Amino acid sequence: MRHRMDHRTLGRYGSHRVAMLSNMAASLFLAGQLTTTVTRAKELRRVAEKLITRARGGSIQDRRVVRAKMPHKEAALKLFSELAPRYASFDKGGYTRIVKLGHRVGDGAPMAVIQLIEKR
């Protein structure tokens, strides 16, 4: 049964999972897209969209919360200076897209590209 399951563990303990998703979000914000497994992309979408929605507010408290959840300085600066204004006209959410690529050769894991959407 799926009772009270609100996230995927990705085979990692809590602090490792949070650090991995934080680093992946920083890479996504800096590069614009990221190739990973489908499961990780789905979890990354949850993290990244919450950070972008928070950055759209632009207050000092929003900056503190984003830096606490994603301590990568360059990614946080880009998030507030470039990405938040780009998504100002969007509703909450819907900033990313996941495109499935097929299976990885080595172990057969389903792969995907997660991208930041340019405009609607």
PDB file of N, CA and C in Angstrom:
ATOM      1  N   MET A   1       0.826  -1.188   0.000  1.00  0.00           N
ATOM      2  CA  MET A   1       0.000   0.000   0.000  1.00  0.00           C
ATOM      3  C   MET A   1       0.867   1.246   0.000  1.00  0.00           C
ATOM      4  N   ARG A   2       0.303   2.342  -0.489  1.00  0.00           N
ATOM      5  CA  ARG A   2       1.058   3.576  -0.641  1.00  0.00           C
ATOM      6  C   ARG A   2       0.721   4.600   0.450  1.00  0.00           C
ATOM      7  N   HIS A   3       0.194   4.187   1.550  1.00  0.00           N
ATOM      8  CA  HIS A   3      -0.228   5.136   2.563  1.00  0.00           C
ATOM      9  C   HIS A   3       0.936   5.996   3.043  1.00  0.00           C
ATOM     10  N   ARG A   4       0.728   7.284   3.073  1.00  0.00           N
ATOM     11  CA  ARG A   4       1.661   8.285   3.616  1.00  0.00           C
ATOM     12  C   ARG A   4       3.026   8.278   2.926  1.00  0.00           C
ATOM     13  N   MET A   5       3.074   7.878   1.662  1.00  0.00           N
ATOM     14  CA  MET A   5       4.324   7.947   0.896  1.00  0.00           C
ATOM     15  C   MET A   5       4.281   9.248   0.101  1.00  0.00           C
ATOM     16  N   ASP A   6       5.104  10.217   0.471  1.00  0.00           N
ATOM     17  CA  ASP A   6       5.043  11.506  -0.204  1.00  0.00           C
ATOM     18  C   ASP A   6       6.256  11.789  -1.078  1.00  0.00           C
ATOM     19  N   HIS A   7       7.247  10.906  -1.101  1.00  0.00           N
ATOM     20  CA  HIS A   7       8.410  11.091  -1.968  1.00  0.00           C
ATOM     21  C   HIS A   7       9.082   9.750  -2.218  1.00  0.00           C
ATOM     22  N   ARG A   8       9.958   9.754  -3.203  1.00  0.00           N
ATOM     23  CA  ARG A   8      10.737   8.554  -3.513  1.00  0.00           C
ATOM     24  C   ARG A   8      12.054   8.632  -2.767  1.00  0.00           C
ATOM     25  N   THR A   9      12.546   7.508  -2.275  1.00  0.00           N
ATOM     26  CA  THR A   9      13.789   7.536  -1.513  1.00  0.00           C
ATOM     27  C   THR A   9      15.023   7.447  -2.401  1.00  0.00           C
ATOM     28  N   LEU A  10      14.886   6.969  -3.624  1.00  0.00           N
ATOM     29  CA  LEU A  10      15.982   6.883  -4.590  1.00  0.00           C
ATOM     30  C   LEU A  10      17.148   6.052  -4.078  1.00  0.00           C
ATOM     31  N   GLY A  11      16.901   5.160  -3.141  1.00  0.00           N
ATOM     32  CA  GLY A  11      17.942   4.277  -2.632  1.00  0.00           C
ATOM     33  C   GLY A  11      18.984   4.979  -1.793  1.00  0.00           C
ATOM     34  N   ARG A  12      18.644   6.123  -1.212  1.00  0.00           N
ATOM     35  CA  ARG A  12      19.593   6.906  -0.433  1.00  0.00           C
ATOM     36  C   ARG A  12      18.957   7.310   0.892  1.00  0.00           C
ATOM     37  N   TYR A  13      19.815   7.586   1.870  1.00  0.00           N
ATOM     38  CA  TYR A  13      19.286   8.098   3.127  1.00  0.00           C
ATOM     39  C   TYR A  13      18.982   9.581   2.965  1.00  0.00           C
ATOM     40  N   GLY A  14      18.297  10.156   3.942  1.00  0.00           N
ATOM     41  CA  GLY A  14      17.695  11.476   3.784  1.00  0.00           C
ATOM     42  C   GLY A  14      18.634  12.599   3.406  1.00  0.00           C
ATOM     43  N   SER A  15      19.735  12.762   4.143  1.00  0.00           N
ATOM     44  CA  SER A  15      20.614  13.891   3.864  1.00  0.00           C
ATOM     45  C   SER A  15      21.322  13.737   2.520  1.00  0.00           C
ATOM     46  N   HIS A  16      21.640  12.500   2.145  1.00  0.00           N
ATOM     47  CA  HIS A  16      22.265  12.263   0.842  1.00  0.00           C
ATOM     48  C   HIS A  16      21.291  12.591  -0.280  1.00  0.00           C
ATOM     49  N   ARG A  17      20.030  12.211  -0.115  1.00  0.00           N
ATOM     50  CA  ARG A  17      19.012  12.485  -1.124  1.00  0.00           C
ATOM     51  C   ARG A  17      18.778  13.984  -1.282  1.00  0.00           C
ATOM     52  N   VAL A  18      18.701  14.706  -0.171  1.00  0.00           N
ATOM     53  CA  VAL A  18      18.485  16.155  -0.221  1.00  0.00           C
ATOM     54  C   VAL A  18      19.667  16.844  -0.904  1.00  0.00           C
ATOM     55  N   ALA A  19      20.891  16.421  -0.570  1.00  0.00           N
ATOM     56  CA  ALA A  19      22.078  17.015  -1.188  1.00  0.00           C
ATOM     57  C   ALA A  19      22.119  16.716  -2.682  1.00  0.00           C
ATOM     58  N   MET A  20      21.782  15.496  -3.071  1.00  0.00           N
ATOM     59  CA  MET A  20      21.793  15.131  -4.480  1.00  0.00           C
ATOM     60  C   MET A  20      20.778  15.954  -5.260  1.00  0.00           C
ATOM     61  N   LEU A  21      19.563  16.096  -4.746  1.00  0.00           N
ATOM     62  CA  LEU A  21      18.538  16.864  -5.443  1.00  0.00           C
ATOM     63  C   LEU A  21      18.884  18.354  -5.484  1.00  0.00           C
ATOM     64  N   SER A  22      19.533  18.852  -4.439  1.00  0.00           N
ATOM     65  CA  SER A  22      19.982  20.237  -4.428  1.00  0.00           C
ATOM     66  C   SER A  22      21.036  20.478  -5.499  1.00  0.00           C
ATOM     67  N   ASN A  23      21.994  19.568  -5.615  1.00  0.00           N
ATOM     68  CA  ASN A  23      23.029  19.692  -6.640  1.00  0.00           C
ATOM     69  C   ASN A  23      22.447  19.545  -8.037  1.00  0.00           C
ATOM     70  N   MET A  24      21.493  18.643  -8.205  1.00  0.00           N
ATOM     71  CA  MET A  24      20.867  18.477  -9.508  1.00  0.00           C
ATOM     72  C   MET A  24      20.053  19.714  -9.887  1.00  0.00           C
ATOM     73  N   ALA A  25      19.381  20.332  -8.919  1.00  0.00           N
ATOM     74  CA  ALA A  25      18.627  21.553  -9.197  1.00  0.00           C
ATOM     75  C   ALA A  25      19.570  22.684  -9.609  1.00  0.00           C
ATOM     76  N   ALA A  26      20.706  22.795  -8.935  1.00  0.00           N
ATOM     77  CA  ALA A  26      21.683  23.826  -9.301  1.00  0.00           C
ATOM     78  C   ALA A  26      22.191  23.595 -10.723  1.00  0.00           C
ATOM     79  N   SER A  27      22.472  22.352 -11.082  1.00  0.00           N
ATOM     80  CA  SER A  27      22.924  22.043 -12.437  1.00  0.00           C
ATOM     81  C   SER A  27      21.838  22.347 -13.464  1.00  0.00           C
ATOM     82  N   LEU A  28      20.603  22.056 -13.120  1.00  0.00           N
ATOM     83  CA  LEU A  28      19.490  22.350 -14.022  1.00  0.00           C
ATOM     84  C   LEU A  28      19.361  23.852 -14.252  1.00  0.00           C
ATOM     85  N   PHE A  29      19.474  24.645 -13.197  1.00  0.00           N
ATOM     86  CA  PHE A  29      19.335  26.091 -13.332  1.00  0.00           C
ATOM     87  C   PHE A  29      20.486  26.695 -14.126  1.00  0.00           C
ATOM     88  N   LEU A  30      21.691  26.161 -13.953  1.00  0.00           N
ATOM     89  CA  LEU A  30      22.848  26.712 -14.656  1.00  0.00           C
ATOM     90  C   LEU A  30      22.876  26.288 -16.123  1.00  0.00           C
ATOM     91  N   ALA A  31      22.531  25.038 -16.426  1.00  0.00           N
ATOM     92  CA  ALA A  31      22.652  24.535 -17.790  1.00  0.00           C
ATOM     93  C   ALA A  31      21.353  24.620 -18.589  1.00  0.00           C
ATOM     94  N   GLY A  32      20.218  24.635 -17.922  1.00  0.00           N
ATOM     95  CA  GLY A  32      18.948  24.680 -18.626  1.00  0.00           C
ATOM     96  C   GLY A  32      18.325  23.322 -18.866  1.00  0.00           C
ATOM     97  N   GLN A  33      19.133  22.271 -18.877  1.00  0.00           N
ATOM     98  CA  GLN A  33      18.614  20.916 -18.998  1.00  0.00           C
ATOM     99  C   GLN A  33      19.586  19.943 -18.377  1.00  0.00           C
ATOM    100  N   LEU A  34      19.078  18.746 -18.070  1.00  0.00           N
ATOM    101  CA  LEU A  34      19.867  17.752 -17.365  1.00  0.00           C
ATOM    102  C   LEU A  34      19.385  16.372 -17.796  1.00  0.00           C
ATOM    103  N   THR A  35      20.310  15.471 -18.100  1.00  0.00           N
ATOM    104  CA  THR A  35      19.973  14.098 -18.463  1.00  0.00           C
ATOM    105  C   THR A  35      20.165  13.215 -17.233  1.00  0.00           C
ATOM    106  N   THR A  36      19.118  12.476 -16.882  1.00  0.00           N
ATOM    107  CA  THR A  36      19.144  11.626 -15.703  1.00  0.00           C
ATOM    108  C   THR A  36      18.109  10.523 -15.879  1.00  0.00           C
ATOM    109  N   THR A  37      17.909   9.722 -14.848  1.00  0.00           N
ATOM    110  CA  THR A  37      16.877   8.690 -14.941  1.00  0.00           C
ATOM    111  C   THR A  37      15.497   9.325 -14.768  1.00  0.00           C
ATOM    112  N   VAL A  38      14.481   8.629 -15.207  1.00  0.00           N
ATOM    113  CA  VAL A  38      13.118   9.158 -15.143  1.00  0.00           C
ATOM    114  C   VAL A  38      12.702   9.393 -13.699  1.00  0.00           C
ATOM    115  N   THR A  39      13.033   8.473 -12.808  1.00  0.00           N
ATOM    116  CA  THR A  39      12.636   8.608 -11.403  1.00  0.00           C
ATOM    117  C   THR A  39      13.286   9.826 -10.761  1.00  0.00           C
ATOM    118  N   ARG A  40      14.576  10.017 -11.010  1.00  0.00           N
ATOM    119  CA  ARG A  40      15.245  11.194 -10.465  1.00  0.00           C
ATOM    120  C   ARG A  40      14.696  12.472 -11.073  1.00  0.00           C
ATOM    121  N   ALA A  41      14.370  12.450 -12.348  1.00  0.00           N
ATOM    122  CA  ALA A  41      13.816  13.636 -12.998  1.00  0.00           C
ATOM    123  C   ALA A  41      12.477  14.023 -12.380  1.00  0.00           C
ATOM    124  N   LYS A  42      11.661  13.035 -12.046  1.00  0.00           N
ATOM    125  CA  LYS A  42      10.368  13.327 -11.434  1.00  0.00           C
ATOM    126  C   LYS A  42      10.531  13.929 -10.042  1.00  0.00           C
ATOM    127  N   GLU A  43      11.495  13.442  -9.284  1.00  0.00           N
ATOM    128  CA  GLU A  43      11.744  14.025  -7.963  1.00  0.00           C
ATOM    129  C   GLU A  43      12.381  15.412  -8.097  1.00  0.00           C
ATOM    130  N   LEU A  44      13.271  15.566  -9.061  1.00  0.00           N
ATOM    131  CA  LEU A  44      13.915  16.864  -9.285  1.00  0.00           C
ATOM    132  C   LEU A  44      12.892  17.910  -9.689  1.00  0.00           C
ATOM    133  N   ARG A  45      11.883  17.514 -10.451  1.00  0.00           N
ATOM    134  CA  ARG A  45      10.845  18.462 -10.848  1.00  0.00           C
ATOM    135  C   ARG A  45      10.155  19.057  -9.626  1.00  0.00           C
ATOM    136  N   ARG A  46       9.864  18.218  -8.627  1.00  0.00           N
ATOM    137  CA  ARG A  46       9.213  18.718  -7.415  1.00  0.00           C
ATOM    138  C   ARG A  46      10.069  19.768  -6.724  1.00  0.00           C
ATOM    139  N   VAL A  47      11.373  19.491  -6.609  1.00  0.00           N
ATOM    140  CA  VAL A  47      12.279  20.404  -5.917  1.00  0.00           C
ATOM    141  C   VAL A  47      12.462  21.691  -6.708  1.00  0.00           C
ATOM    142  N   ALA A  48      12.741  21.563  -8.006  1.00  0.00           N
ATOM    143  CA  ALA A  48      13.054  22.729  -8.840  1.00  0.00           C
ATOM    144  C   ALA A  48      11.862  23.678  -8.960  1.00  0.00           C
ATOM    145  N   GLU A  49      10.670  23.130  -9.128  1.00  0.00           N
ATOM    146  CA  GLU A  49       9.517  24.005  -9.299  1.00  0.00           C
ATOM    147  C   GLU A  49       9.176  24.747  -8.011  1.00  0.00           C
ATOM    148  N   LYS A  50       9.393  24.127  -6.873  1.00  0.00           N
ATOM    149  CA  LYS A  50       9.175  24.836  -5.613  1.00  0.00           C
ATOM    150  C   LYS A  50      10.187  25.961  -5.442  1.00  0.00           C
ATOM    151  N   LEU A  51      11.445  25.729  -5.844  1.00  0.00           N
ATOM    152  CA  LEU A  51      12.462  26.767  -5.739  1.00  0.00           C
ATOM    153  C   LEU A  51      12.161  27.929  -6.679  1.00  0.00           C
ATOM    154  N   ILE A  52      11.715  27.649  -7.897  1.00  0.00           N
ATOM    155  CA  ILE A  52      11.400  28.720  -8.843  1.00  0.00           C
ATOM    156  C   ILE A  52      10.206  29.529  -8.356  1.00  0.00           C
ATOM    157  N   THR A  53       9.193  28.850  -7.837  1.00  0.00           N
ATOM    158  CA  THR A  53       8.028  29.559  -7.314  1.00  0.00           C
ATOM    159  C   THR A  53       8.426  30.458  -6.147  1.00  0.00           C
ATOM    160  N   ARG A  54       9.307  29.975  -5.290  1.00  0.00           N
ATOM    161  CA  ARG A  54       9.778  30.777  -4.164  1.00  0.00           C
ATOM    162  C   ARG A  54      10.581  31.976  -4.672  1.00  0.00           C
ATOM    163  N   ALA A  55      11.404  31.762  -5.704  1.00  0.00           N
ATOM    164  CA  ALA A  55      12.237  32.846  -6.232  1.00  0.00           C
ATOM    165  C   ALA A  55      11.404  33.920  -6.912  1.00  0.00           C
ATOM    166  N   ARG A  56      10.245  33.573  -7.411  1.00  0.00           N
ATOM    167  CA  ARG A  56       9.393  34.572  -8.052  1.00  0.00           C
ATOM    168  C   ARG A  56       8.950  35.643  -7.067  1.00  0.00           C
ATOM    169  N   GLY A  57       8.890  35.311  -5.780  1.00  0.00           N
ATOM    170  CA  GLY A  57       8.517  36.307  -4.771  1.00  0.00           C
ATOM    171  C   GLY A  57       9.558  37.393  -4.651  1.00  0.00           C
ATOM    172  N   GLY A  58      10.835  37.014  -4.590  1.00  0.00           N
ATOM    173  CA  GLY A  58      11.926  37.973  -4.606  1.00  0.00           C
ATOM    174  C   GLY A  58      12.239  38.674  -3.303  1.00  0.00           C
ATOM    175  N   SER A  59      11.574  38.339  -2.214  1.00  0.00           N
ATOM    176  CA  SER A  59      11.845  39.023  -0.953  1.00  0.00           C
ATOM    177  C   SER A  59      13.119  38.463  -0.309  1.00  0.00           C
ATOM    178  N   ILE A  60      13.549  39.114   0.741  1.00  0.00           N
ATOM    179  CA  ILE A  60      14.737  38.667   1.474  1.00  0.00           C
ATOM    180  C   ILE A  60      14.495  37.279   2.064  1.00  0.00           C
ATOM    181  N   GLN A  61      13.306  37.059   2.590  1.00  0.00           N
ATOM    182  CA  GLN A  61      12.983  35.746   3.153  1.00  0.00           C
ATOM    183  C   GLN A  61      13.013  34.668   2.075  1.00  0.00           C
ATOM    184  N   ASP A  62      12.514  34.997   0.886  1.00  0.00           N
ATOM    185  CA  ASP A  62      12.566  34.027  -0.214  1.00  0.00           C
ATOM    186  C   ASP A  62      14.007  33.690  -0.565  1.00  0.00           C
ATOM    187  N   ARG A  63      14.877  34.678  -0.584  1.00  0.00           N
ATOM    188  CA  ARG A  63      16.294  34.439  -0.879  1.00  0.00           C
ATOM    189  C   ARG A  63      16.929  33.555   0.191  1.00  0.00           C
ATOM    190  N   ARG A  64      16.571  33.772   1.437  1.00  0.00           N
ATOM    191  CA  ARG A  64      17.128  32.961   2.522  1.00  0.00           C
ATOM    192  C   ARG A  64      16.665  31.516   2.421  1.00  0.00           C
ATOM    193  N   VAL A  65      15.398  31.313   2.108  1.00  0.00           N
ATOM    194  CA  VAL A  65      14.867  29.960   2.003  1.00  0.00           C
ATOM    195  C   VAL A  65      15.516  29.224   0.834  1.00  0.00           C
ATOM    196  N   VAL A  66      15.670  29.908  -0.301  1.00  0.00           N
ATOM    197  CA  VAL A  66      16.289  29.268  -1.472  1.00  0.00           C
ATOM    198  C   VAL A  66      17.736  28.914  -1.177  1.00  0.00           C
ATOM    199  N   ARG A  67      18.479  29.822  -0.546  1.00  0.00           N
ATOM    200  CA  ARG A  67      19.882  29.535  -0.235  1.00  0.00           C
ATOM    201  C   ARG A  67      20.015  28.419   0.799  1.00  0.00           C
ATOM    202  N   ALA A  68      19.028  28.268   1.681  1.00  0.00           N
ATOM    203  CA  ALA A  68      19.072  27.177   2.653  1.00  0.00           C
ATOM    204  C   ALA A  68      18.827  25.834   1.968  1.00  0.00           C
ATOM    205  N   LYS A  69      17.953  25.815   0.980  1.00  0.00           N
ATOM    206  CA  LYS A  69      17.634  24.560   0.303  1.00  0.00           C
ATOM    207  C   LYS A  69      18.591  24.237  -0.833  1.00  0.00           C
ATOM    208  N   MET A  70      19.248  25.273  -1.393  1.00  0.00           N
ATOM    209  CA  MET A  70      20.187  25.065  -2.494  1.00  0.00           C
ATOM    210  C   MET A  70      21.372  26.016  -2.277  1.00  0.00           C
ATOM    211  N   PRO A  71      22.420  25.572  -1.597  1.00  0.00           N
ATOM    212  CA  PRO A  71      23.505  26.470  -1.225  1.00  0.00           C
ATOM    213  C   PRO A  71      24.465  26.857  -2.353  1.00  0.00           C
ATOM    214  N   HIS A  72      24.188  26.483  -3.593  1.00  0.00           N
ATOM    215  CA  HIS A  72      25.049  26.825  -4.718  1.00  0.00           C
ATOM    216  C   HIS A  72      24.825  28.296  -5.077  1.00  0.00           C
ATOM    217  N   LYS A  73      25.841  29.148  -4.858  1.00  0.00           N
ATOM    218  CA  LYS A  73      25.683  30.595  -4.966  1.00  0.00           C
ATOM    219  C   LYS A  73      25.359  31.046  -6.387  1.00  0.00           C
ATOM    220  N   GLU A  74      26.092  30.551  -7.383  1.00  0.00           N
ATOM    221  CA  GLU A  74      25.876  30.992  -8.764  1.00  0.00           C
ATOM    222  C   GLU A  74      24.486  30.597  -9.262  1.00  0.00           C
ATOM    223  N   ALA A  75      24.048  29.398  -8.896  1.00  0.00           N
ATOM    224  CA  ALA A  75      22.727  28.944  -9.322  1.00  0.00           C
ATOM    225  C   ALA A  75      21.631  29.786  -8.670  1.00  0.00           C
ATOM    226  N   ALA A  76      21.808  30.147  -7.404  1.00  0.00           N
ATOM    227  CA  ALA A  76      20.812  30.973  -6.727  1.00  0.00           C
ATOM    228  C   ALA A  76      20.757  32.369  -7.346  1.00  0.00           C
ATOM    229  N   LEU A  77      21.916  32.924  -7.701  1.00  0.00           N
ATOM    230  CA  LEU A  77      21.928  34.243  -8.345  1.00  0.00           C
ATOM    231  C   LEU A  77      21.224  34.193  -9.698  1.00  0.00           C
ATOM    232  N   LYS A  78      21.499  33.162 -10.479  1.00  0.00           N
ATOM    233  CA  LYS A  78      20.835  33.026 -11.780  1.00  0.00           C
ATOM    234  C   LYS A  78      19.341  32.814 -11.600  1.00  0.00           C
ATOM    235  N   LEU A  79      18.975  32.066 -10.571  1.00  0.00           N
ATOM    236  CA  LEU A  79      17.566  31.810 -10.303  1.00  0.00           C
ATOM    237  C   LEU A  79      16.811  33.111 -10.046  1.00  0.00           C
ATOM    238  N   PHE A  80      17.373  33.993  -9.244  1.00  0.00           N
ATOM    239  CA  PHE A  80      16.696  35.244  -8.922  1.00  0.00           C
ATOM    240  C   PHE A  80      16.827  36.291 -10.016  1.00  0.00           C
ATOM    241  N   SER A  81      17.962  36.337 -10.717  1.00  0.00           N
ATOM    242  CA  SER A  81      18.162  37.407 -11.698  1.00  0.00           C
ATOM    243  C   SER A  81      17.593  37.088 -13.072  1.00  0.00           C
ATOM    244  N   GLU A  82      17.646  35.814 -13.511  1.00  0.00           N
ATOM    245  CA  GLU A  82      17.201  35.469 -14.861  1.00  0.00           C
ATOM    246  C   GLU A  82      15.929  34.629 -14.887  1.00  0.00           C
ATOM    247  N   LEU A  83      15.883  33.593 -14.076  1.00  0.00           N
ATOM    248  CA  LEU A  83      14.773  32.647 -14.188  1.00  0.00           C
ATOM    249  C   LEU A  83      13.476  33.169 -13.564  1.00  0.00           C
ATOM    250  N   ALA A  84      13.555  33.830 -12.428  1.00  0.00           N
ATOM    251  CA  ALA A  84      12.335  34.336 -11.793  1.00  0.00           C
ATOM    252  C   ALA A  84      11.615  35.351 -12.676  1.00  0.00           C
ATOM    253  N   PRO A  85      12.314  36.322 -13.302  1.00  0.00           N
ATOM    254  CA  PRO A  85      11.596  37.224 -14.213  1.00  0.00           C
ATOM    255  C   PRO A  85      11.020  36.512 -15.441  1.00  0.00           C
ATOM    256  N   ARG A  86      11.711  35.467 -15.910  1.00  0.00           N
ATOM    257  CA  ARG A  86      11.219  34.731 -17.083  1.00  0.00           C
ATOM    258  C   ARG A  86       9.881  34.067 -16.786  1.00  0.00           C
ATOM    259  N   TYR A  87       9.715  33.561 -15.555  1.00  0.00           N
ATOM    260  CA  TYR A  87       8.498  32.843 -15.196  1.00  0.00           C
ATOM    261  C   TYR A  87       7.511  33.701 -14.409  1.00  0.00           C
ATOM    262  N   ALA A  88       7.658  35.006 -14.456  1.00  0.00           N
ATOM    263  CA  ALA A  88       6.770  35.880 -13.695  1.00  0.00           C
ATOM    264  C   ALA A  88       5.323  35.789 -14.179  1.00  0.00           C
ATOM    265  N   SER A  89       5.112  35.559 -15.470  1.00  0.00           N
ATOM    266  CA  SER A  89       3.755  35.504 -16.009  1.00  0.00           C
ATOM    267  C   SER A  89       3.120  34.118 -15.899  1.00  0.00           C
ATOM    268  N   PHE A  90       3.885  33.113 -15.485  1.00  0.00           N
ATOM    269  CA  PHE A  90       3.367  31.747 -15.349  1.00  0.00           C
ATOM    270  C   PHE A  90       2.517  31.635 -14.092  1.00  0.00           C
ATOM    271  N   ASP A  91       1.625  30.647 -14.088  1.00  0.00           N
ATOM    272  CA  ASP A  91       0.968  30.260 -12.842  1.00  0.00           C
ATOM    273  C   ASP A  91       2.000  29.550 -11.983  1.00  0.00           C
ATOM    274  N   LYS A  92       1.623  29.141 -10.782  1.00  0.00           N
ATOM    275  CA  LYS A  92       2.552  28.388  -9.945  1.00  0.00           C
ATOM    276  C   LYS A  92       2.751  27.013 -10.541  1.00  0.00           C
ATOM    277  N   GLY A  93       3.996  26.700 -10.879  1.00  0.00           N
ATOM    278  CA  GLY A  93       4.318  25.397 -11.434  1.00  0.00           C
ATOM    279  C   GLY A  93       4.325  25.401 -12.951  1.00  0.00           C
ATOM    280  N   GLY A  94       4.759  24.285 -13.520  1.00  0.00           N
ATOM    281  CA  GLY A  94       4.790  24.141 -14.966  1.00  0.00           C
ATOM    282  C   GLY A  94       6.011  24.760 -15.613  1.00  0.00           C
ATOM    283  N   TYR A  95       7.114  24.850 -14.885  1.00  0.00           N
ATOM    284  CA  TYR A  95       8.327  25.473 -15.411  1.00  0.00           C
ATOM    285  C   TYR A  95       9.256  24.472 -16.079  1.00  0.00           C
ATOM    286  N   THR A  96       9.020  23.175 -15.882  1.00  0.00           N
ATOM    287  CA  THR A  96       9.922  22.158 -16.413  1.00  0.00           C
ATOM    288  C   THR A  96       9.157  21.180 -17.293  1.00  0.00           C
ATOM    289  N   ARG A  97       9.912  20.481 -18.136  1.00  0.00           N
ATOM    290  CA  ARG A  97       9.352  19.421 -18.961  1.00  0.00           C
ATOM    291  C   ARG A  97      10.282  18.234 -18.886  1.00  0.00           C
ATOM    292  N   ILE A  98       9.718  17.044 -18.887  1.00  0.00           N
ATOM    293  CA  ILE A  98      10.503  15.806 -18.873  1.00  0.00           C
ATOM    294  C   ILE A  98      10.255  15.087 -20.196  1.00  0.00           C
ATOM    295  N   VAL A  99      11.348  14.823 -20.924  1.00  0.00           N
ATOM    296  CA  VAL A  99      11.276  14.118 -22.198  1.00  0.00           C
ATOM    297  C   VAL A  99      11.987  12.783 -22.023  1.00  0.00           C
ATOM    298  N   LYS A 100      11.278  11.700 -22.243  1.00  0.00           N
ATOM    299  CA  LYS A 100      11.869  10.374 -22.071  1.00  0.00           C
ATOM    300  C   LYS A 100      12.741  10.027 -23.272  1.00  0.00           C
ATOM    301  N   LEU A 101      13.896   9.412 -23.006  1.00  0.00           N
ATOM    302  CA  LEU A 101      14.887   9.121 -24.039  1.00  0.00           C
ATOM    303  C   LEU A 101      14.980   7.655 -24.423  1.00  0.00           C
ATOM    304  N   GLY A 102      14.551   6.763 -23.591  1.00  0.00           N
ATOM    305  CA  GLY A 102      14.742   5.339 -23.837  1.00  0.00           C
ATOM    306  C   GLY A 102      15.506   4.744 -22.671  1.00  0.00           C
ATOM    307  N   HIS A 103      16.157   3.616 -22.908  1.00  0.00           N
ATOM    308  CA  HIS A 103      16.842   2.922 -21.830  1.00  0.00           C
ATOM    309  C   HIS A 103      18.353   3.056 -21.952  1.00  0.00           C
ATOM    310  N   ARG A 104      19.035   3.142 -20.809  1.00  0.00           N
ATOM    311  CA  ARG A 104      20.482   3.229 -20.759  1.00  0.00           C
ATOM    312  C   ARG A 104      21.081   1.886 -21.147  1.00  0.00           C
ATOM    313  N   VAL A 105      22.212   1.927 -21.875  1.00  0.00           N
ATOM    314  CA  VAL A 105      22.814   0.706 -22.395  1.00  0.00           C
ATOM    315  C   VAL A 105      23.337  -0.185 -21.277  1.00  0.00           C
ATOM    316  N   GLY A 106      23.977   0.366 -20.274  1.00  0.00           N
ATOM    317  CA  GLY A 106      24.640  -0.447 -19.257  1.00  0.00           C
ATOM    318  C   GLY A 106      23.707  -1.265 -18.397  1.00  0.00           C
ATOM    319  N   ASP A 107      22.651  -0.638 -17.876  1.00  0.00           N
ATOM    320  CA  ASP A 107      21.794  -1.352 -16.937  1.00  0.00           C
ATOM    321  C   ASP A 107      20.315  -1.323 -17.323  1.00  0.00           C
ATOM    322  N   GLY A 108      19.971  -0.689 -18.422  1.00  0.00           N
ATOM    323  CA  GLY A 108      18.586  -0.681 -18.874  1.00  0.00           C
ATOM    324  C   GLY A 108      17.687   0.279 -18.132  1.00  0.00           C
ATOM    325  N   ALA A 109      18.265   1.229 -17.385  1.00  0.00           N
ATOM    326  CA  ALA A 109      17.453   2.186 -16.643  1.00  0.00           C
ATOM    327  C   ALA A 109      16.778   3.155 -17.613  1.00  0.00           C
ATOM    328  N   PRO A 110      15.516   3.486 -17.394  1.00  0.00           N
ATOM    329  CA  PRO A 110      14.842   4.448 -18.271  1.00  0.00           C
ATOM    330  C   PRO A 110      15.423   5.847 -18.053  1.00  0.00           C
ATOM    331  N   MET A 111      15.834   6.494 -19.151  1.00  0.00           N
ATOM    332  CA  MET A 111      16.486   7.801 -19.076  1.00  0.00           C
ATOM    333  C   MET A 111      15.541   8.890 -19.569  1.00  0.00           C
ATOM    334  N   ALA A 112      15.813  10.115 -19.116  1.00  0.00           N
ATOM    335  CA  ALA A 112      14.997  11.260 -19.517  1.00  0.00           C
ATOM    336  C   ALA A 112      15.839  12.527 -19.465  1.00  0.00           C
ATOM    337  N   VAL A 113      15.376  13.542 -20.164  1.00  0.00           N
ATOM    338  CA  VAL A 113      15.960  14.873 -20.097  1.00  0.00           C
ATOM    339  C   VAL A 113      14.937  15.756 -19.413  1.00  0.00           C
ATOM    340  N   ILE A 114      15.350  16.472 -18.370  1.00  0.00           N
ATOM    341  CA  ILE A 114      14.483  17.455 -17.735  1.00  0.00           C
ATOM    342  C   ILE A 114      14.981  18.822 -18.179  1.00  0.00           C
ATOM    343  N   GLN A 115      14.067  19.649 -18.696  1.00  0.00           N
ATOM    344  CA  GLN A 115      14.414  20.939 -19.276  1.00  0.00           C
ATOM    345  C   GLN A 115      13.590  22.042 -18.635  1.00  0.00           C
ATOM    346  N   LEU A 116      14.154  23.237 -18.613  1.00  0.00           N
ATOM    347  CA  LEU A 116      13.399  24.414 -18.224  1.00  0.00           C
ATOM    348  C   LEU A 116      12.659  24.917 -19.450  1.00  0.00           C
ATOM    349  N   ILE A 117      11.401  25.215 -19.311  1.00  0.00           N
ATOM    350  CA  ILE A 117      10.569  25.678 -20.428  1.00  0.00           C
ATOM    351  C   ILE A 117      10.896  27.143 -20.688  1.00  0.00           C
ATOM    352  N   GLU A 118      11.005  27.506 -21.965  1.00  0.00           N
ATOM    353  CA  GLU A 118      11.309  28.897 -22.329  1.00  0.00           C
ATOM    354  C   GLU A 118      10.091  29.784 -22.160  1.00  0.00           C
ATOM    355  N   LYS A 119       9.063  29.564 -22.959  1.00  0.00           N
ATOM    356  CA  LYS A 119       7.836  30.376 -22.874  1.00  0.00           C
ATOM    357  C   LYS A 119       6.641  29.499 -23.164  1.00  0.00           C
ATOM    358  N   ARG A 120       5.484  29.964 -22.746  1.00  0.00           N
ATOM    359  CA  ARG A 120       4.244  29.232 -23.056  1.00  0.00           C
ATOM    360  C   ARG A 120       3.630  29.799 -24.292  1.00  0.00           C
TER     361      ARG A 120
END
